[in-house]
Protein backbone atom coordinates (compact mmCIF):
# COMPACT_ATOMS: atom_id res chain seq x y z
CA MET A 1 -10.19 60.24 14.65
CA ARG A 2 -8.42 57.63 16.76
CA GLY A 3 -4.81 56.49 16.59
CA THR A 4 -1.54 55.81 18.36
CA PRO A 5 0.38 59.08 18.65
CA SER A 6 3.87 59.25 20.07
CA ALA A 7 4.54 59.34 23.79
CA THR A 8 4.83 62.42 25.93
CA ALA A 9 6.11 62.64 29.47
CA SER A 10 6.44 65.85 31.41
CA GLY A 11 5.45 67.55 34.62
CA ALA A 12 4.63 64.32 36.41
CA THR A 13 5.80 62.31 39.35
CA HIS A 14 6.62 58.65 38.92
CA SER A 15 8.05 55.94 41.05
CA ALA A 16 9.32 52.46 41.45
CA PRO A 17 8.54 51.07 44.88
CA PRO A 18 7.78 53.19 46.84
CA SER A 19 8.05 56.96 46.59
CA THR A 20 4.56 58.35 46.22
CA PRO A 21 2.82 59.39 49.44
CA GLY A 22 0.26 56.82 50.43
CA ALA A 23 1.74 54.08 48.27
CA ALA A 24 2.23 50.72 49.91
CA ALA A 25 5.63 49.06 49.98
CA GLY A 26 6.27 47.32 46.68
CA SER A 27 3.70 49.38 44.77
CA TYR A 28 4.21 51.20 41.48
CA VAL A 29 2.47 54.56 41.38
CA SER A 30 2.40 57.46 38.95
CA GLU A 31 0.60 60.77 39.30
CA GLY A 32 0.03 63.28 36.53
CA MET A 33 -2.43 65.10 34.33
CA VAL A 34 -4.85 63.28 32.05
CA GLY A 35 -7.26 64.70 29.52
CA PHE A 36 -7.95 65.69 25.93
CA TYR A 37 -9.78 69.01 25.96
CA THR A 38 -8.93 69.69 29.61
CA ALA A 39 -6.43 67.99 31.91
CA ASP A 40 -7.22 66.70 35.38
CA PRO A 41 -5.01 65.11 38.06
CA PHE A 42 -4.97 61.33 38.42
CA ARG A 43 -3.22 58.65 40.43
CA ILE A 44 -2.42 55.27 38.82
CA GLU A 45 -1.27 52.29 40.85
CA VAL A 46 -0.08 49.21 38.97
CA LYS A 47 -1.23 45.99 40.59
CA ALA A 48 0.30 43.45 38.20
CA ILE A 49 1.59 42.66 34.73
CA GLU A 50 0.46 39.10 34.09
CA ARG A 51 1.83 36.80 31.42
CA HIS A 52 -0.65 34.49 29.74
CA ALA A 53 -0.26 32.19 26.75
CA LYS A 54 -2.19 34.37 24.31
CA LEU A 55 -2.04 37.82 25.86
CA THR A 56 -0.66 40.00 28.63
CA VAL A 57 -2.83 41.63 31.31
CA LEU A 58 -2.02 44.98 32.89
CA ARG A 59 -3.99 45.43 36.12
CA MET A 60 -4.23 48.88 37.69
CA GLU A 61 -6.22 50.93 40.13
CA ILE A 62 -7.00 54.45 38.95
CA MET A 63 -8.50 57.36 40.83
CA THR A 64 -8.74 61.09 40.35
CA THR A 65 -7.08 63.32 42.91
CA ALA A 66 -9.33 66.23 41.94
CA THR A 67 -12.14 67.40 44.21
CA VAL A 68 -14.81 67.21 41.50
CA ASN A 69 -15.95 64.60 38.98
CA THR A 70 -13.45 64.32 36.09
CA PRO A 71 -13.78 62.62 32.66
CA GLY A 72 -10.34 61.01 32.38
CA ASP A 73 -9.93 60.55 28.63
CA PHE A 74 -7.52 57.60 28.76
CA GLY A 75 -8.31 56.67 25.17
CA TYR A 76 -7.93 58.21 21.73
CA GLY A 77 -10.59 60.25 20.03
CA THR A 78 -13.63 61.95 21.51
CA LEU A 79 -16.06 60.43 24.02
CA THR A 80 -13.76 57.47 24.48
CA THR A 81 -14.65 54.78 26.99
CA SER A 82 -11.55 52.58 26.73
CA PHE A 83 -7.98 52.82 27.99
CA ASP A 84 -6.02 52.77 24.72
CA ARG A 85 -3.20 55.08 25.79
CA PHE A 86 -1.38 52.63 28.03
CA ARG A 87 1.71 50.98 26.52
CA LEU A 88 4.21 48.41 27.74
CA PHE A 89 7.89 48.98 27.08
CA ASP A 90 10.48 46.19 27.15
CA PRO A 91 13.83 47.97 27.75
CA VAL A 92 15.85 44.79 27.14
CA GLY A 93 14.08 43.52 24.03
CA ARG A 94 13.55 47.15 22.94
CA LYS A 95 9.90 46.69 22.01
CA VAL A 96 6.75 48.69 22.64
CA TYR A 97 3.49 46.75 23.07
CA PHE A 98 0.17 48.46 22.30
CA THR A 99 -3.23 47.58 23.69
CA LEU A 100 -5.20 44.88 21.89
CA ARG A 101 -8.02 46.59 20.00
CA GLU A 102 -11.24 45.86 18.19
CA ASN A 103 -10.89 45.29 14.43
CA ASP A 104 -7.93 47.63 13.72
CA SER A 105 -5.55 50.18 15.24
CA ASN A 106 -8.38 52.73 15.47
CA GLY A 107 -10.64 50.41 17.46
CA HIS A 108 -11.41 50.57 21.16
CA ALA A 109 -8.97 48.77 23.44
CA PHE A 110 -10.25 45.56 24.98
CA GLY A 111 -10.48 45.60 28.76
CA THR A 112 -12.22 47.98 31.12
CA ARG A 113 -14.82 50.30 29.60
CA ASN A 114 -15.92 53.33 31.65
CA HIS A 115 -19.23 53.90 29.89
CA GLN A 116 -22.46 55.04 31.47
CA VAL A 117 -25.41 52.78 32.07
CA GLY A 118 -27.36 52.25 28.86
CA ALA A 119 -25.10 54.53 26.81
CA ASP A 120 -21.68 54.50 25.21
CA TYR A 121 -20.74 57.81 26.78
CA PRO A 122 -17.82 57.97 29.21
CA ASP A 123 -18.54 57.81 32.90
CA ASP A 124 -16.74 60.31 35.11
CA PHE A 125 -14.22 59.42 37.78
CA MET A 126 -15.56 60.48 41.16
CA PRO A 127 -13.25 61.91 43.86
CA GLY A 128 -12.03 59.36 46.39
CA VAL A 129 -13.38 56.35 44.44
CA ARG A 130 -10.97 53.61 43.37
CA TYR A 131 -11.54 52.07 39.93
CA PRO A 132 -9.95 48.71 39.01
CA VAL A 133 -8.81 48.84 35.37
CA GLU A 134 -7.38 46.08 33.21
CA VAL A 135 -6.13 46.27 29.64
CA TYR A 136 -4.66 43.62 27.38
CA PHE A 137 -1.51 43.46 25.28
CA PRO A 138 0.14 40.95 22.94
CA PRO A 139 1.91 38.04 24.69
CA LEU A 140 5.37 38.81 26.06
CA PRO A 141 8.44 36.68 25.31
CA ALA A 142 9.36 34.18 28.01
CA ILE A 143 12.64 35.99 28.72
CA ALA A 144 10.88 39.28 29.60
CA GLU A 145 11.21 39.64 33.36
CA LYS A 146 10.45 43.33 33.90
CA MET A 147 8.54 45.90 31.91
CA SER A 148 7.94 49.62 32.00
CA ILE A 149 4.61 51.32 31.54
CA ALA A 150 4.86 54.34 29.26
CA PRO A 151 1.40 55.89 28.89
CA ASP A 152 0.80 58.19 25.95
CA LEU A 153 -0.09 60.90 28.43
CA PRO A 154 1.69 63.82 30.18
CA MET A 155 2.49 61.40 32.98
CA GLY A 156 5.79 59.84 33.91
CA PRO A 157 6.58 56.20 33.12
CA MET A 158 6.76 53.47 35.73
CA THR A 159 9.82 51.26 35.39
CA GLY A 160 11.09 47.90 36.60
CA ILE A 161 7.68 46.30 37.09
CA PRO A 162 8.02 42.51 37.38
CA VAL A 163 6.15 40.24 34.99
CA THR A 164 4.31 37.47 36.81
CA ASP A 165 2.65 34.34 35.49
CA GLY A 166 -1.11 34.77 35.43
CA ALA A 167 -3.34 32.13 36.96
CA ALA A 168 -6.89 32.25 35.63
CA GLU A 169 -7.54 33.72 32.21
CA PRO A 170 -9.22 37.15 32.23
CA THR A 171 -13.01 37.11 32.15
CA ALA A 172 -15.68 39.60 31.15
CA ARG A 173 -17.25 41.65 33.94
CA GLU A 174 -20.46 43.56 34.29
CA ARG A 175 -20.82 47.03 35.74
CA GLY A 176 -20.76 46.77 39.50
CA SER A 177 -23.90 48.80 40.16
CA SER A 178 -26.04 51.54 38.71
CA ASP A 179 -25.76 53.37 42.01
CA MET A 180 -23.41 56.32 42.36
CA PRO A 181 -20.25 55.31 44.25
CA LYS A 182 -18.96 57.48 47.05
CA ALA A 183 -15.50 58.36 48.37
CA GLY A 184 -13.77 55.29 49.79
CA ASP A 185 -15.62 52.84 47.51
CA THR A 186 -14.07 50.56 44.92
CA PHE A 187 -16.22 50.60 41.80
CA GLN A 188 -16.17 48.02 38.99
CA TRP A 189 -16.74 49.15 35.42
CA PRO A 190 -17.54 46.60 32.66
CA VAL A 191 -14.67 44.55 31.20
CA VAL A 192 -14.65 43.34 27.59
CA VAL A 193 -12.21 40.50 26.91
CA PRO A 194 -10.61 40.13 23.46
CA ASN A 195 -12.98 38.56 20.95
CA GLY A 196 -13.79 38.69 17.26
CA GLU A 197 -11.34 40.57 15.04
CA ILE A 198 -8.36 41.60 17.21
CA TRP A 199 -5.71 44.16 16.27
CA SER A 200 -2.33 43.45 17.88
CA GLY A 201 0.57 45.90 17.69
CA VAL A 202 4.25 45.60 18.65
CA ALA A 203 6.82 48.17 17.51
CA ASP A 204 10.58 48.49 17.65
CA VAL A 205 11.95 51.25 19.86
CA ASN A 206 13.56 54.16 18.03
CA GLU A 207 15.66 56.79 19.72
CA GLN A 208 18.42 59.16 18.71
CA VAL A 209 21.15 60.83 20.77
CA GLU A 210 23.65 63.24 19.22
CA THR A 211 26.92 64.70 20.51
CA PRO A 212 29.42 66.97 18.75
CA VAL A 213 31.41 63.94 17.54
CA LYS A 214 28.86 61.20 16.98
CA SER A 215 25.19 60.26 16.83
CA THR A 216 23.55 57.09 18.17
CA THR A 217 20.25 55.85 16.78
CA GLN A 218 18.37 52.84 18.12
CA GLU A 219 15.82 51.25 15.81
CA GLY A 220 14.52 48.08 17.38
CA ASP A 221 17.36 45.57 17.28
CA LYS A 222 19.60 47.83 15.20
CA GLU A 223 21.82 50.46 16.80
CA THR A 224 23.51 53.06 14.63
CA ILE A 225 26.52 55.11 15.77
CA GLY A 226 27.43 57.90 13.40
CA LEU A 227 31.02 59.21 13.32
CA ARG A 228 31.77 62.63 11.90
CA THR A 229 34.19 62.35 9.01
CA ASP A 230 35.54 65.82 9.59
CA VAL A 231 36.92 64.28 12.78
CA LEU A 232 38.32 61.16 11.08
CA PHE A 233 39.80 62.80 7.98
CA ALA A 234 40.72 66.19 6.64
CA PHE A 235 39.02 67.17 3.39
CA ASP A 236 40.37 65.26 0.40
CA LYS A 237 42.68 63.21 2.65
CA ALA A 238 42.95 59.54 3.55
CA ARG A 239 45.19 59.94 6.57
CA LEU A 240 43.45 59.68 9.92
CA SER A 241 43.43 62.92 11.86
CA ALA A 242 44.75 63.38 15.38
CA LYS A 243 41.17 63.48 16.65
CA ALA A 244 40.30 60.16 15.02
CA ALA A 245 42.07 58.04 17.62
CA ALA A 246 39.60 58.71 20.43
CA VAL A 247 36.62 58.04 18.18
CA LEU A 248 37.98 54.82 16.68
CA ASP A 249 39.17 53.60 20.08
CA ASP A 250 35.52 53.56 21.11
CA VAL A 251 34.78 51.44 18.04
CA VAL A 252 37.59 49.06 19.01
CA GLU A 253 36.15 48.58 22.50
CA GLU A 254 32.65 48.09 21.10
CA THR A 255 34.00 45.48 18.69
CA ARG A 256 35.76 43.56 21.46
CA ARG A 257 32.60 43.46 23.55
CA ARG A 258 30.05 42.68 20.91
CA ALA A 259 31.42 41.37 17.61
CA ASP A 260 32.15 37.74 16.81
CA PRO A 261 35.60 37.19 15.24
CA ALA A 262 34.56 33.70 14.10
CA LYS A 263 32.09 35.13 11.60
CA PRO A 264 32.95 36.31 8.06
CA PRO A 265 35.50 39.11 7.66
CA ILE A 266 34.96 42.69 8.72
CA THR A 267 34.11 44.62 5.58
CA ILE A 268 35.37 48.21 5.66
CA THR A 269 33.84 50.26 2.87
CA GLY A 270 35.15 53.74 2.12
CA HIS A 271 33.15 56.60 0.65
CA THR A 272 33.67 60.16 -0.56
CA ASP A 273 31.48 63.13 -1.40
CA ASP A 274 30.58 64.02 -4.99
CA LYS A 275 33.38 66.54 -5.54
CA GLY A 276 35.92 65.39 -8.14
CA ASP A 277 35.66 62.76 -10.83
CA ASP A 278 34.53 59.19 -10.23
CA GLY A 279 37.94 57.58 -10.64
CA TYR A 280 39.62 59.92 -8.17
CA ASN A 281 36.86 59.45 -5.57
CA GLN A 282 36.98 55.68 -5.97
CA THR A 283 40.71 55.65 -5.22
CA LEU A 284 40.28 57.98 -2.23
CA SER A 285 37.47 55.84 -0.79
CA VAL A 286 39.66 52.72 -0.92
CA LYS A 287 42.51 54.55 0.80
CA ARG A 288 40.16 55.69 3.57
CA ALA A 289 38.86 52.18 4.09
CA LYS A 290 42.40 50.87 4.37
CA ALA A 291 43.31 53.60 6.86
CA VAL A 292 40.45 52.52 9.11
CA GLN A 293 41.37 48.87 8.62
CA GLU A 294 44.97 49.45 9.67
CA TYR A 295 43.90 51.29 12.80
CA LEU A 296 41.42 48.60 13.85
CA ALA A 297 43.76 45.72 13.04
CA ALA A 298 46.61 47.25 15.03
CA ARG A 299 44.41 47.30 18.15
CA LEU A 300 42.17 44.27 17.68
CA GLY A 301 44.96 41.90 16.72
CA THR A 302 44.77 38.88 14.47
CA ASP A 303 41.48 37.44 15.81
CA TYR A 304 39.53 39.39 13.23
CA ARG A 305 39.75 39.30 9.44
CA TYR A 306 39.26 42.41 7.30
CA ARG A 307 38.16 43.22 3.78
CA PRO A 308 38.55 46.89 2.79
CA GLU A 309 36.71 48.20 -0.25
CA GLY A 310 35.79 51.54 -1.79
CA LYS A 311 32.49 52.79 -3.13
CA GLY A 312 33.55 56.27 -4.17
CA GLU A 313 30.59 58.61 -3.90
CA THR A 314 27.99 55.86 -4.39
CA SER A 315 27.45 54.80 -0.78
CA ARG A 316 28.61 55.40 2.75
CA ALA A 317 31.60 53.62 4.17
CA TYR A 318 31.17 51.00 6.80
CA VAL A 319 32.74 48.18 8.74
CA TYR A 320 30.44 45.17 9.04
CA TYR A 321 30.65 42.42 11.66
CA PRO A 322 28.21 39.54 10.97
CA ALA A 323 25.85 38.58 13.78
CA PRO A 324 27.20 36.10 16.34
CA PRO A 325 25.03 33.21 17.54
CA ASP A 326 25.45 33.82 21.28
CA GLY A 327 23.49 37.00 21.75
CA ARG A 328 26.34 39.41 21.06
CA THR A 329 25.76 41.91 18.31
CA SER A 330 26.89 42.74 14.81
CA ILE A 331 28.49 46.10 14.10
CA THR A 332 28.68 48.17 10.96
CA LEU A 333 30.93 51.22 10.90
CA GLU A 334 30.26 53.71 8.14
CA VAL A 335 32.72 56.45 7.19
CA ALA A 336 31.31 59.15 4.92
CA ASN A 337 32.82 62.37 3.66
CA GLY A 338 31.80 66.00 3.88
CA GLY A 339 30.84 66.07 7.57
CA ALA A 340 27.99 63.61 7.13
CA TYR A 341 27.21 61.13 9.89
CA PRO A 342 28.34 57.61 9.02
CA ARG A 343 26.84 54.82 11.05
CA ILE A 344 27.52 51.70 13.10
CA PRO A 345 24.34 49.60 12.86
CA ILE A 346 24.35 46.97 15.61
CA ARG A 347 22.07 44.04 14.90
CA ARG A 348 21.17 41.60 17.63
């Protein structure tokens, strides 16, 4: 069974230029363990990330640092001969790019294939031999200047790698020789360029960080900051607590930096838990929304317009700032009851 499992990174060394012994100035090198049934040590040096009109090329040189022949297993599934597990990460655009694959997400990655002569069985990496490897990804946006490589392997990522404009389009290659390479050689495996039915995958980046007073979740171009309501309000109260000031001051600063006052009004929606009758909770939710509104307005001034509303126990409370046109973000502040985590989605 093949697939695209989530990333792992542990027990590895990684570097931007240069920190790995033997790496040339300006190189990007990572060393770590690679394998499916067994793990073996490898060294990966990134040569280039090339931008082309229809695809992106990642060029590397891979070698084992073991003293015996090792299988590698850089792909998914068993007896794999492709290098599926490499991924590009855009930290600014917050996107992950997966290798272009045959037919669907379970297909082999286009690019270098380390298969044996006359068979679709993987060829071993031999000690001291350098193997050029290239794999292909969906095209990158023109504004992407640097990328990170985050392999789905117990190997550290490589960050800050510049994206360069590719010259000639990638071409298919044959196996360099049927002879056995020896230490010090550079050996060329076959290269299969994208053709036929091509699967292309790009995903938003999701991450979550929690502290005792808030949680932050990043889902692609939406960022969510959750504020604990037991910090903002006492139970069954609509008056902001003494602890609320520090939390809401952070929201004020975030709003100044990233929200556009020229857009429609900030909607502040209050919410309660399900204790009590509907009418009582509706009134309490409106009071809570107005309490947040008054705090924000007192510190943000008259540049922003506000619209408080209450939803009772039917939905979380939030403050919504519509998206600005200049690259700044939209912010939604949610205020929920009962110790739940409300959110501040930030949409770019």
